[in-house]
Every structure is written in structure tokens, then in C-alpha cells.
N, C-alpha and C. Protein backbone atom coordinates (compact mmCIF):
# COMPACT_ATOMS: atom_id res chain seq x y z
N UNK A 1 45.88 33.08 -10.32
CA UNK A 1 44.78 32.14 -10.21
C UNK A 1 44.57 31.79 -8.74
N UNK A 2 43.31 31.76 -8.31
CA UNK A 2 42.97 31.47 -6.92
C UNK A 2 43.17 29.99 -6.64
N UNK A 3 43.56 29.70 -5.40
CA UNK A 3 43.71 28.33 -4.97
C UNK A 3 42.32 27.71 -4.81
N UNK A 4 42.16 26.50 -5.29
CA UNK A 4 40.87 25.82 -5.19
C UNK A 4 40.62 25.43 -3.75
N UNK A 5 39.42 25.69 -3.25
CA UNK A 5 39.03 25.33 -1.90
C UNK A 5 38.15 24.10 -1.96
N UNK A 6 38.31 23.23 -0.96
CA UNK A 6 37.51 22.02 -0.87
C UNK A 6 36.38 22.28 0.14
N UNK A 7 35.16 22.20 -0.33
CA UNK A 7 33.99 22.41 0.52
C UNK A 7 33.23 21.10 0.56
N UNK A 8 33.02 20.59 1.77
CA UNK A 8 32.28 19.34 1.96
C UNK A 8 31.00 19.64 2.73
N UNK A 9 29.89 19.14 2.20
CA UNK A 9 28.60 19.29 2.88
C UNK A 9 28.15 17.89 3.26
N UNK A 10 27.83 17.72 4.53
CA UNK A 10 27.36 16.42 5.04
C UNK A 10 25.86 16.50 5.18
N UNK A 11 25.15 15.63 4.47
CA UNK A 11 23.71 15.71 4.34
C UNK A 11 23.06 14.35 4.54
N UNK A 12 21.91 14.37 5.19
CA UNK A 12 21.12 13.15 5.32
C UNK A 12 19.97 13.13 4.32
N UNK A 13 19.93 14.14 3.44
CA UNK A 13 18.92 14.16 2.41
C UNK A 13 17.60 14.80 2.80
N UNK A 14 17.50 15.31 4.03
CA UNK A 14 16.26 15.94 4.48
C UNK A 14 16.12 17.33 3.86
N UNK A 15 14.97 17.95 4.04
CA UNK A 15 14.72 19.27 3.47
C UNK A 15 15.68 20.32 4.02
N UNK A 16 16.02 20.25 5.31
CA UNK A 16 16.94 21.21 5.90
C UNK A 16 18.33 21.02 5.28
N UNK A 17 18.75 19.78 5.13
CA UNK A 17 20.05 19.50 4.50
C UNK A 17 20.08 20.02 3.08
N UNK A 18 19.01 19.80 2.33
CA UNK A 18 18.96 20.26 0.94
C UNK A 18 19.02 21.78 0.86
N UNK A 19 18.41 22.46 1.82
CA UNK A 19 18.51 23.93 1.86
C UNK A 19 19.95 24.39 2.05
N UNK A 20 20.69 23.66 2.92
CA UNK A 20 22.11 24.02 3.14
C UNK A 20 22.94 23.72 1.90
N UNK A 21 22.67 22.63 1.22
CA UNK A 21 23.39 22.34 0.00
C UNK A 21 23.17 23.48 -1.01
N UNK A 22 21.92 23.91 -1.15
CA UNK A 22 21.62 25.02 -2.07
C UNK A 22 22.31 26.32 -1.63
N UNK A 23 22.35 26.58 -0.34
CA UNK A 23 23.01 27.78 0.19
C UNK A 23 24.49 27.73 -0.13
N UNK A 24 25.14 26.63 0.14
CA UNK A 24 26.59 26.49 -0.13
C UNK A 24 26.85 26.69 -1.61
N UNK A 25 26.06 26.09 -2.46
CA UNK A 25 26.26 26.23 -3.91
C UNK A 25 26.06 27.69 -4.35
N UNK A 26 25.15 28.38 -3.68
CA UNK A 26 24.85 29.76 -4.03
C UNK A 26 25.97 30.72 -3.61
N UNK A 27 26.58 30.49 -2.44
CA UNK A 27 27.56 31.43 -1.92
C UNK A 27 29.02 31.03 -2.16
N UNK A 28 29.26 29.82 -2.61
CA UNK A 28 30.63 29.36 -2.80
C UNK A 28 31.31 30.13 -3.92
N UNK A 29 32.61 30.26 -3.78
CA UNK A 29 33.40 30.97 -4.78
C UNK A 29 33.53 30.11 -6.04
N UNK A 30 33.97 30.72 -7.11
CA UNK A 30 34.10 30.00 -8.37
C UNK A 30 35.25 28.99 -8.31
N UNK A 31 36.18 29.15 -7.38
CA UNK A 31 37.28 28.20 -7.26
C UNK A 31 37.02 27.14 -6.20
N UNK A 32 35.80 27.06 -5.69
CA UNK A 32 35.45 26.06 -4.69
C UNK A 32 35.03 24.76 -5.36
N UNK A 33 35.56 23.66 -4.82
CA UNK A 33 35.15 22.32 -5.26
C UNK A 33 34.19 21.80 -4.18
N UNK A 34 32.91 21.69 -4.53
CA UNK A 34 31.88 21.31 -3.55
C UNK A 34 31.59 19.82 -3.70
N UNK A 35 31.65 19.12 -2.55
CA UNK A 35 31.32 17.71 -2.51
C UNK A 35 30.21 17.54 -1.48
N UNK A 36 29.13 16.91 -1.90
CA UNK A 36 28.02 16.62 -0.99
C UNK A 36 28.12 15.16 -0.59
N UNK A 37 28.29 14.94 0.73
CA UNK A 37 28.40 13.57 1.25
C UNK A 37 27.04 13.11 1.75
N UNK A 38 26.62 11.95 1.33
CA UNK A 38 25.38 11.32 1.78
C UNK A 38 25.70 10.54 3.05
N UNK A 39 25.16 10.97 4.16
CA UNK A 39 25.47 10.33 5.44
C UNK A 39 24.93 8.91 5.56
N UNK A 40 24.15 8.47 4.58
CA UNK A 40 23.72 7.07 4.56
C UNK A 40 24.83 6.16 4.07
N UNK A 41 25.86 6.75 3.48
CA UNK A 41 27.01 5.99 2.97
C UNK A 41 28.04 5.85 4.09
N UNK A 42 28.50 4.64 4.35
CA UNK A 42 29.41 4.39 5.47
C UNK A 42 30.72 5.17 5.35
N UNK A 43 31.22 5.37 4.12
CA UNK A 43 32.46 6.14 3.94
C UNK A 43 32.23 7.61 4.26
N UNK A 44 31.08 8.14 3.89
CA UNK A 44 30.76 9.53 4.20
C UNK A 44 30.63 9.71 5.70
N UNK A 45 29.97 8.75 6.36
CA UNK A 45 29.80 8.84 7.80
C UNK A 45 31.17 8.76 8.52
N UNK A 46 32.07 7.94 8.01
CA UNK A 46 33.40 7.83 8.60
C UNK A 46 34.16 9.14 8.41
N UNK A 47 34.04 9.76 7.24
CA UNK A 47 34.69 11.05 7.00
C UNK A 47 34.14 12.11 7.95
N UNK A 48 32.82 12.11 8.12
CA UNK A 48 32.18 13.07 9.03
C UNK A 48 32.69 12.89 10.44
N UNK A 49 32.73 11.67 10.88
CA UNK A 49 33.21 11.38 12.23
C UNK A 49 34.65 11.85 12.42
N UNK A 50 35.50 11.62 11.41
CA UNK A 50 36.90 12.04 11.49
C UNK A 50 37.03 13.56 11.63
N UNK A 51 36.07 14.28 11.03
CA UNK A 51 36.12 15.75 11.12
C UNK A 51 35.45 16.29 12.38
N UNK A 52 34.76 15.40 13.13
CA UNK A 52 34.09 15.84 14.34
C UNK A 52 32.64 16.26 14.13
N UNK A 53 32.05 15.88 13.01
CA UNK A 53 30.66 16.21 12.77
C UNK A 53 29.80 15.46 13.78
N UNK A 54 28.91 16.21 14.46
CA UNK A 54 28.03 15.62 15.45
C UNK A 54 26.56 15.75 15.09
N UNK A 55 26.27 16.56 14.09
CA UNK A 55 24.90 16.69 13.59
C UNK A 55 24.95 17.17 12.15
N UNK A 56 23.89 16.91 11.43
CA UNK A 56 23.79 17.35 10.03
C UNK A 56 22.59 18.25 9.87
N UNK A 57 22.63 19.13 8.91
CA UNK A 57 23.70 19.32 7.95
C UNK A 57 24.94 19.95 8.58
N UNK A 58 26.08 19.71 7.97
CA UNK A 58 27.34 20.30 8.43
C UNK A 58 28.19 20.60 7.20
N UNK A 59 29.04 21.60 7.35
CA UNK A 59 29.91 22.03 6.27
C UNK A 59 31.35 22.09 6.77
N UNK A 60 32.25 21.54 5.96
CA UNK A 60 33.68 21.63 6.23
C UNK A 60 34.33 22.35 5.06
N UNK A 61 35.28 23.23 5.37
CA UNK A 61 36.01 23.96 4.35
C UNK A 61 37.49 23.64 4.54
N UNK A 62 38.08 23.11 3.50
CA UNK A 62 39.49 22.73 3.54
C UNK A 62 39.81 21.84 4.73
N UNK A 63 38.94 20.89 5.01
CA UNK A 63 39.19 19.89 6.05
C UNK A 63 38.89 20.34 7.47
N UNK A 64 38.26 21.49 7.64
CA UNK A 64 37.90 22.00 8.97
C UNK A 64 36.43 22.31 9.01
N UNK A 65 35.75 21.89 10.09
CA UNK A 65 34.35 22.24 10.21
C UNK A 65 34.20 23.74 10.26
N UNK A 66 33.21 24.25 9.55
CA UNK A 66 32.89 25.68 9.61
C UNK A 66 32.44 26.00 11.04
N UNK A 67 32.72 27.21 11.49
CA UNK A 67 32.38 27.60 12.85
C UNK A 67 30.93 27.39 13.20
N UNK A 68 30.04 27.53 12.23
CA UNK A 68 28.62 27.35 12.49
C UNK A 68 28.27 25.89 12.73
N UNK A 69 29.17 24.98 12.39
CA UNK A 69 28.88 23.55 12.48
C UNK A 69 29.65 22.83 13.58
N UNK A 70 30.61 23.51 14.17
CA UNK A 70 31.46 22.88 15.20
C UNK A 70 30.75 22.94 16.55
N UNK A 71 30.93 21.90 17.33
CA UNK A 71 30.41 21.88 18.69
C UNK A 71 28.93 21.65 18.83
N UNK A 72 28.28 21.32 17.72
CA UNK A 72 26.84 21.07 17.79
C UNK A 72 26.62 19.57 17.94
N UNK A 73 25.41 19.22 18.24
CA UNK A 73 25.05 17.81 18.31
C UNK A 73 24.35 17.48 19.62
N UNK A 74 23.91 16.27 19.71
CA UNK A 74 23.20 15.80 20.88
C UNK A 74 24.21 15.68 22.03
N UNK A 75 23.79 16.17 23.19
CA UNK A 75 24.65 16.14 24.38
C UNK A 75 23.90 15.38 25.47
N UNK A 76 24.46 14.24 25.88
CA UNK A 76 23.80 13.41 26.88
C UNK A 76 23.52 14.19 28.17
N UNK A 77 24.47 14.97 28.62
CA UNK A 77 24.29 15.71 29.88
C UNK A 77 23.11 16.66 29.79
N UNK A 78 22.97 17.33 28.66
CA UNK A 78 21.86 18.27 28.49
C UNK A 78 20.52 17.50 28.47
N UNK A 79 20.50 16.35 27.83
CA UNK A 79 19.27 15.54 27.81
C UNK A 79 18.89 15.08 29.21
N UNK A 80 19.88 14.69 29.99
CA UNK A 80 19.59 14.25 31.36
C UNK A 80 19.05 15.40 32.22
N UNK A 81 19.62 16.58 32.06
CA UNK A 81 19.16 17.75 32.80
C UNK A 81 17.72 18.06 32.41
N UNK A 82 17.38 17.84 31.14
CA UNK A 82 16.02 18.07 30.66
C UNK A 82 15.04 16.99 31.14
N UNK A 83 15.54 15.97 31.79
CA UNK A 83 14.66 14.95 32.35
C UNK A 83 14.50 13.72 31.51
N UNK A 84 15.25 13.61 30.41
CA UNK A 84 15.15 12.40 29.61
C UNK A 84 15.59 11.20 30.43
N UNK A 85 14.82 10.15 30.39
CA UNK A 85 15.14 8.95 31.15
C UNK A 85 14.42 8.88 32.50
N UNK A 86 13.68 9.95 32.82
CA UNK A 86 12.93 9.98 34.06
C UNK A 86 11.45 9.87 33.73
N UNK A 87 10.75 9.03 34.47
CA UNK A 87 9.32 8.89 34.25
C UNK A 87 8.62 10.19 34.63
N UNK A 88 7.52 10.47 33.97
CA UNK A 88 6.73 11.67 34.29
C UNK A 88 5.71 11.35 35.33
């Protein structure tokens, strides 16, 4: 018997997030336990923060962010280089 895998999807409920939820459900193995976290819930947001989620949608497998979801998010330095905060 295969070991059950824990798959967590962090979603804000937007159309892009819903597409990722559908993708995960479509490609997940039969032994995967899929949990969809609503980022509007404070406990879900705390779990996401603990895993290092910086943007949604995001997917964690067995307590680790999937490679496609790690290292993403808003970066202040990049925004400043783009001129955010400077008058036009």
C-alpha cells in the first residue's frame, strides 16, 4: 500500500486559484490527501506563512512548498528598481 501524501493548496478563491485547485485534484495520486486552505482564514494564513508562502496560489506537498511555488512573491527591491514610490 502506498504511503498517503499530504497536499495543501493555498487559495484566495480567485479564478487562478480555482484553476490550480482543479489541476491538483486532476493530477494528484489516489493516495494523496488534498486540503484546500482559504487564505481568508487566519489559521490558513498562519500555516502558509510557516511554510514560506509568499503568493497564492501555492502548493505544498508533505509540508514542503512545491518547487514551482517557492521563492515567489512581491519583492520590495524589485518594486523600487521599477520606480514604485517615485513620482512620474
